[in-house]
C-alpha atoms as a PDB file:
ATOM      1  CA  MET A   1     -15.194   7.561  21.100  1.00  0.00           C
ATOM      2  CA  LYS A   2     -15.200   4.277  18.939  1.00  0.00           C
ATOM      3  CA  THR A   3     -13.259   3.922  15.329  1.00  0.00           C
ATOM      4  CA  LEU A   4     -14.757   1.024  13.664  1.00  0.00           C
ATOM      5  CA  PHE A   5     -12.423  -0.498  10.728  1.00  0.00           C
ATOM      6  CA  LEU A   6     -14.017  -2.543   7.908  1.00  0.00           C
ATOM      7  CA  LEU A   7     -12.134  -4.815   5.533  1.00  0.00           C
ATOM      8  CA  ARG A   8     -12.884  -6.375   2.946  1.00  0.00           C
ATOM      9  CA  HIS A   9     -10.938  -9.698   2.089  1.00  0.00           C
ATOM     10  CA  ALA A  10      -8.353  -9.931  -0.034  1.00  0.00           C
ATOM     11  CA  LYS A  11      -8.675 -11.288  -4.213  1.00  0.00           C
ATOM     12  CA  SER A  12     -10.034 -15.040  -3.848  1.00  0.00           C
ATOM     13  CA  SER A  13      -9.053 -17.567  -6.551  1.00  0.00           C
ATOM     14  CA  TRP A  14     -11.251 -18.977  -9.035  1.00  0.00           C
ATOM     15  CA  ASP A  15      -8.587 -21.608  -9.966  1.00  0.00           C
ATOM     16  CA  TYR A  16     -10.888 -24.320  -8.105  1.00  0.00           C
ATOM     17  CA  PRO A  17     -14.530 -23.747  -9.959  1.00  0.00           C
ATOM     18  CA  ASP A  18     -15.962 -27.324  -7.379  1.00  0.00           C
ATOM     19  CA  LEU A  19     -14.699 -25.471  -4.624  1.00  0.00           C
ATOM     20  CA  PRO A  20     -17.617 -24.443  -2.306  1.00  0.00           C
ATOM     21  CA  ASP A  21     -17.350 -20.120  -2.029  1.00  0.00           C
ATOM     22  CA  GLN A  22     -17.004 -20.377   1.416  1.00  0.00           C
ATOM     23  CA  GLU A  23     -13.595 -22.723   0.839  1.00  0.00           C
ATOM     24  CA  ARG A  24     -12.452 -20.843  -1.861  1.00  0.00           C
ATOM     25  CA  PRO A  25      -8.805 -19.314  -1.386  1.00  0.00           C
ATOM     26  CA  LEU A  26      -6.646 -15.963  -1.627  1.00  0.00           C
ATOM     27  CA  ASN A  27      -4.997 -15.537  -4.909  1.00  0.00           C
ATOM     28  CA  ALA A  28      -1.513 -14.751  -5.831  1.00  0.00           C
ATOM     29  CA  ARG A  29      -2.740 -10.713  -5.752  1.00  0.00           C
ATOM     30  CA  GLY A  30      -4.664 -11.689  -2.719  1.00  0.00           C
ATOM     31  CA  LYS A  31      -1.513 -12.908  -0.957  1.00  0.00           C
ATOM     32  CA  ARG A  32       0.301 -10.215  -1.602  1.00  0.00           C
ATOM     33  CA  ASP A  33      -2.065  -7.240  -1.258  1.00  0.00           C
ATOM     34  CA  ALA A  34      -3.519  -8.266   2.501  1.00  0.00           C
ATOM     35  CA  PRO A  35       0.668  -7.629   3.913  1.00  0.00           C
ATOM     36  CA  ALA A  36       0.957  -4.911   1.866  1.00  0.00           C
ATOM     37  CA  MET A  37      -2.168  -3.314   3.554  1.00  0.00           C
ATOM     38  CA  GLY A  38      -1.334  -4.630   6.921  1.00  0.00           C
ATOM     39  CA  GLN A  39       1.400  -2.544   6.724  1.00  0.00           C
ATOM     40  CA  TRP A  40      -0.184   0.648   5.697  1.00  0.00           C
ATOM     41  CA  ILE A  41      -2.675   0.209   8.150  1.00  0.00           C
ATOM     42  CA  ASN A  42      -0.065  -0.271  11.345  1.00  0.00           C
ATOM     43  CA  ASP A  43       1.820   2.836   9.790  1.00  0.00           C
ATOM     44  CA  HIS A  44      -1.134   4.879   9.832  1.00  0.00           C
ATOM     45  CA  PHE A  45      -3.576   3.556  12.696  1.00  0.00           C
ATOM     46  CA  PRO A  46      -3.248   1.544  16.456  1.00  0.00           C
ATOM     47  CA  ALA A  47      -4.136  -1.966  16.175  1.00  0.00           C
ATOM     48  CA  PRO A  48      -7.816  -2.898  16.529  1.00  0.00           C
ATOM     49  CA  GLN A  49      -8.316  -4.279  19.493  1.00  0.00           C
ATOM     50  CA  LEU A  50     -10.790  -6.321  18.484  1.00  0.00           C
ATOM     51  CA  ILE A  51     -11.159  -8.044  14.827  1.00  0.00           C
ATOM     52  CA  LEU A  52     -14.775 -10.090  14.125  1.00  0.00           C
ATOM     53  CA  SER A  53     -13.651 -11.866  10.778  1.00  0.00           C
ATOM     54  CA  SER A  54     -16.575 -14.289   8.746  1.00  0.00           C
ATOM     55  CA  HIS A  55     -15.182 -17.865   8.594  1.00  0.00           C
ATOM     56  CA  SER A  56     -14.705 -18.359   4.719  1.00  0.00           C
ATOM     57  CA  VAL A  57     -11.268 -19.067   3.945  1.00  0.00           C
ATOM     58  CA  ARG A  58     -10.350 -15.994   2.038  1.00  0.00           C
ATOM     59  CA  THR A  59     -11.016 -14.207   5.229  1.00  0.00           C
ATOM     60  CA  LEU A  60      -9.120 -15.915   7.817  1.00  0.00           C
ATOM     61  CA  ALA A  61      -6.755 -16.019   5.091  1.00  0.00           C
ATOM     62  CA  THR A  62      -6.852 -12.366   4.632  1.00  0.00           C
ATOM     63  CA  ILE A  63      -6.985 -11.199   8.275  1.00  0.00           C
ATOM     64  CA  SER A  64      -4.183 -13.809   9.164  1.00  0.00           C
ATOM     65  CA  LYS A  65      -1.798 -11.564   6.535  1.00  0.00           C
ATOM     66  CA  VAL A  66      -2.680  -8.087   7.456  1.00  0.00           C
ATOM     67  CA  ALA A  67      -2.590  -8.920  11.033  1.00  0.00           C
ATOM     68  CA  HIS A  68       0.854 -10.397  11.390  1.00  0.00           C
ATOM     69  CA  ALA A  69       2.266  -7.386   9.357  1.00  0.00           C
ATOM     70  CA  MET A  70       0.384  -4.897  11.826  1.00  0.00           C
ATOM     71  CA  GLY A  71       2.029  -7.742  14.843  1.00  0.00           C
ATOM     72  CA  ILE A  72      -1.042  -8.633  15.961  1.00  0.00           C
ATOM     73  CA  ARG A  73      -1.113 -11.893  17.625  1.00  0.00           C
ATOM     74  CA  GLY A  74      -4.282 -14.381  17.645  1.00  0.00           C
ATOM     75  CA  GLU A  75      -6.115 -13.268  20.525  1.00  0.00           C
ATOM     76  CA  GLU A  76      -7.565 -10.011  19.237  1.00  0.00           C
ATOM     77  CA  ILE A  77      -8.672 -12.149  16.303  1.00  0.00           C
ATOM     78  CA  GLN A  78     -12.506 -14.075  16.686  1.00  0.00           C
ATOM     79  CA  THR A  79     -14.340 -15.677  13.864  1.00  0.00           C
ATOM     80  CA  ASP A  80     -17.990 -14.960  13.159  1.00  0.00           C
ATOM     81  CA  GLU A  81     -20.245 -16.631  11.126  1.00  0.00           C
ATOM     82  CA  ARG A  82     -22.855 -13.924  10.862  1.00  0.00           C
ATOM     83  CA  LEU A  83     -20.524 -11.602   9.090  1.00  0.00           C
ATOM     84  CA  TYR A  84     -20.216 -14.210   5.972  1.00  0.00           C
ATOM     85  CA  HIS A  85     -21.791 -12.184   3.435  1.00  0.00           C
ATOM     86  CA  ALA A  86     -23.694 -10.631   5.594  1.00  0.00           C
ATOM     87  CA  SER A  87     -26.439  -7.612   5.412  1.00  0.00           C
ATOM     88  CA  THR A  88     -26.646  -4.236   6.626  1.00  0.00           C
ATOM     89  CA  ALA A  89     -28.820  -5.296   8.834  1.00  0.00           C
ATOM     90  CA  THR A  90     -26.460  -8.096  10.279  1.00  0.00           C
ATOM     91  CA  LEU A  91     -23.357  -6.111   9.820  1.00  0.00           C
ATOM     92  CA  PHE A  92     -25.495  -3.226  12.588  1.00  0.00           C
ATOM     93  CA  LYS A  93     -26.511  -6.219  15.439  1.00  0.00           C
ATOM     94  CA  VAL A  94     -22.815  -7.115  15.486  1.00  0.00           C
ATOM     95  CA  LEU A  95     -21.632  -3.783  15.488  1.00  0.00           C
ATOM     96  CA  LYS A  96     -23.904  -3.113  18.348  1.00  0.00           C
ATOM     97  CA  ASN A  97     -23.484  -6.238  20.157  1.00  0.00           C
ATOM     98  CA  ALA A  98     -19.527  -5.746  20.035  1.00  0.00           C
ATOM     99  CA  PRO A  99     -18.291  -5.237  23.915  1.00  0.00           C
ATOM    100  CA  ASP A 100     -17.565  -1.705  24.918  1.00  0.00           C
ATOM    101  CA  GLN A 101     -14.596  -2.479  26.411  1.00  0.00           C
ATOM    102  CA  ALA A 102     -13.177  -2.292  22.449  1.00  0.00           C
ATOM    103  CA  GLU A 103     -12.276   0.861  22.111  1.00  0.00           C
ATOM    104  CA  SER A 104     -11.233   0.131  18.374  1.00  0.00           C
ATOM    105  CA  LEU A 105     -13.330  -3.107  16.276  1.00  0.00           C
ATOM    106  CA  MET A 106     -12.663  -4.569  13.000  1.00  0.00           C
ATOM    107  CA  LEU A 107     -14.836  -6.013  11.125  1.00  0.00           C
ATOM    108  CA  VAL A 108     -13.638  -8.461   8.157  1.00  0.00           C
ATOM    109  CA  GLY A 109     -16.032  -9.553   6.005  1.00  0.00           C
ATOM    110  CA  HIS A 110     -17.428 -10.006   2.031  1.00  0.00           C
ATOM    111  CA  ASN A 111     -19.339  -7.196  -1.046  1.00  0.00           C
ATOM    112  CA  PRO A 112     -21.986  -6.339  -1.192  1.00  0.00           C
ATOM    113  CA  GLY A 113     -22.078  -6.277   2.529  1.00  0.00           C
ATOM    114  CA  ILE A 114     -19.000  -4.073   3.608  1.00  0.00           C
ATOM    115  CA  THR A 115     -19.201  -1.453   0.769  1.00  0.00           C
ATOM    116  CA  ASP A 116     -23.063  -0.946   1.914  1.00  0.00           C
ATOM    117  CA  PHE A 117     -22.876  -0.790   5.210  1.00  0.00           C
ATOM    118  CA  ALA A 118     -20.104   1.757   4.668  1.00  0.00           C
ATOM    119  CA  ASN A 119     -22.264   3.625   2.763  1.00  0.00           C
ATOM    120  CA  VAL A 120     -25.254   3.724   5.301  1.00  0.00           C
ATOM    121  CA  LEU A 121     -22.948   4.890   7.816  1.00  0.00           C
ATOM    122  CA  CYS A 122     -21.276   7.640   6.167  1.00  0.00           C
ATOM    123  CA  PRO A 123     -23.676   8.914   3.259  1.00  0.00           C
ATOM    124  CA  GLN A 124     -21.728  11.333   2.923  1.00  0.00           C
ATOM    125  CA  GLN A 125     -18.375  10.023   1.460  1.00  0.00           C
ATOM    126  CA  SER A 126     -20.284   7.041  -0.161  1.00  0.00           C
ATOM    127  CA  VAL A 127     -18.151   4.969  -2.162  1.00  0.00           C
ATOM    128  CA  ASP A 128     -19.081   2.985  -5.089  1.00  0.00           C
ATOM    129  CA  ASN A 129     -17.267  -0.573  -4.322  1.00  0.00           C
ATOM    130  CA  ILE A 130     -14.789  -1.118  -1.373  1.00  0.00           C
ATOM    131  CA  PRO A 131     -12.369  -3.309  -3.822  1.00  0.00           C
ATOM    132  CA  THR A 132     -10.597  -6.418  -2.323  1.00  0.00           C
ATOM    133  CA  CYS A 133      -9.040  -5.910   0.622  1.00  0.00           C
ATOM    134  CA  GLY A 134     -10.190  -2.055   0.863  1.00  0.00           C
ATOM    135  CA  PHE A 135     -10.143  -0.782   3.861  1.00  0.00           C
ATOM    136  CA  PHE A 136     -12.815   1.963   5.726  1.00  0.00           C
ATOM    137  CA  VAL A 137     -12.420   3.970   8.531  1.00  0.00           C
ATOM    138  CA  ILE A 138     -15.377   5.807  10.548  1.00  0.00           C
ATOM    139  CA  ARG A 139     -15.063   7.135  14.025  1.00  0.00           C
ATOM    140  CA  PHE A 140     -18.016   6.765  16.509  1.00  0.00           C
ATOM    141  CA  HIS A 141     -18.805  10.417  18.737  1.00  0.00           C
ATOM    142  CA  CYS A 142     -20.127   7.960  21.316  1.00  0.00           C
ATOM    143  CA  SER A 143     -19.148   6.028  24.633  1.00  0.00           C
ATOM    144  CA  GLY A 144     -20.878   2.997  23.527  1.00  0.00           C
ATOM    145  CA  TRP A 145     -21.291   0.362  20.325  1.00  0.00           C
ATOM    146  CA  LYS A 146     -25.020   0.083  20.995  1.00  0.00           C
ATOM    147  CA  GLU A 147     -25.031   4.537  20.875  1.00  0.00           C
ATOM    148  CA  ALA A 148     -23.046   3.939  17.026  1.00  0.00           C
ATOM    149  CA  SER A 149     -25.064   5.408  14.310  1.00  0.00           C
ATOM    150  CA  PRO A 150     -24.954   7.009  11.169  1.00  0.00           C
ATOM    151  CA  GLU A 151     -25.905  10.401  13.340  1.00  0.00           C
ATOM    152  CA  ASN A 152     -22.860  10.241  14.844  1.00  0.00           C
ATOM    153  CA  ALA A 153     -20.641   8.712  12.369  1.00  0.00           C
ATOM    154  CA  GLU A 154     -17.338  10.277  10.862  1.00  0.00           C
ATOM    155  CA  PHE A 155     -15.559   9.190   8.223  1.00  0.00           C
ATOM    156  CA  VAL A 156     -11.684   8.760   8.755  1.00  0.00           C
ATOM    157  CA  CYS A 157     -10.572   6.875   5.755  1.00  0.00           C
ATOM    158  CA  PHE A 158     -10.708   4.792   2.470  1.00  0.00           C
ATOM    159  CA  GLN A 159      -7.885   2.830   1.194  1.00  0.00           C
ATOM    160  CA  TYR A 160      -7.147   0.198  -0.990  1.00  0.00           C
ATOM    161  CA  PRO A 161      -4.297  -1.815  -2.183  1.00  0.00           C
ATOM    162  CA  LYS A 162      -4.010  -0.203  -5.786  1.00  0.00           C
ATOM    163  CA  ASN A 163      -3.279   2.829  -4.475  1.00  0.00           C
ATOM    164  CA  LEU A 164      -0.229   1.489  -2.657  1.00  0.00           C
ATOM    165  CA  ARG A 165       1.517   0.782  -5.573  1.00  0.00           C
END
């Protein structure tokens, strides 16, 4: 059995309109929501064995705060440039190539890709939008990531910061 955690980056700042999109930082709400979501995840799930994050400033800041709240050190976190505004097809490639020794995997990225991917994997639990710092969990009844598909996927959880307040 494999467990996939999907995490959308926390709320980013638009205070610097001249910054390239990849360099936008978190705003005050994002800085508050990320550790709260990390604490909630820590209270309800074992830590993922591998975390792959987009390389944008906002995703790295999000996962840094989430991981810290979960007691995760840095070696479980890797950046993957393919996750920056990744399509469903790209997210499938990343998933299928994850190392099988990792029983649990967290992908940290952006919309619309994260929401679209969750809906393709779990159409029975369709969501209109995974909001910023939203968290979606899927369990796959398979032994290797290459075998992960909607046919063996089981919805586990959908949570987001507004529900935690």
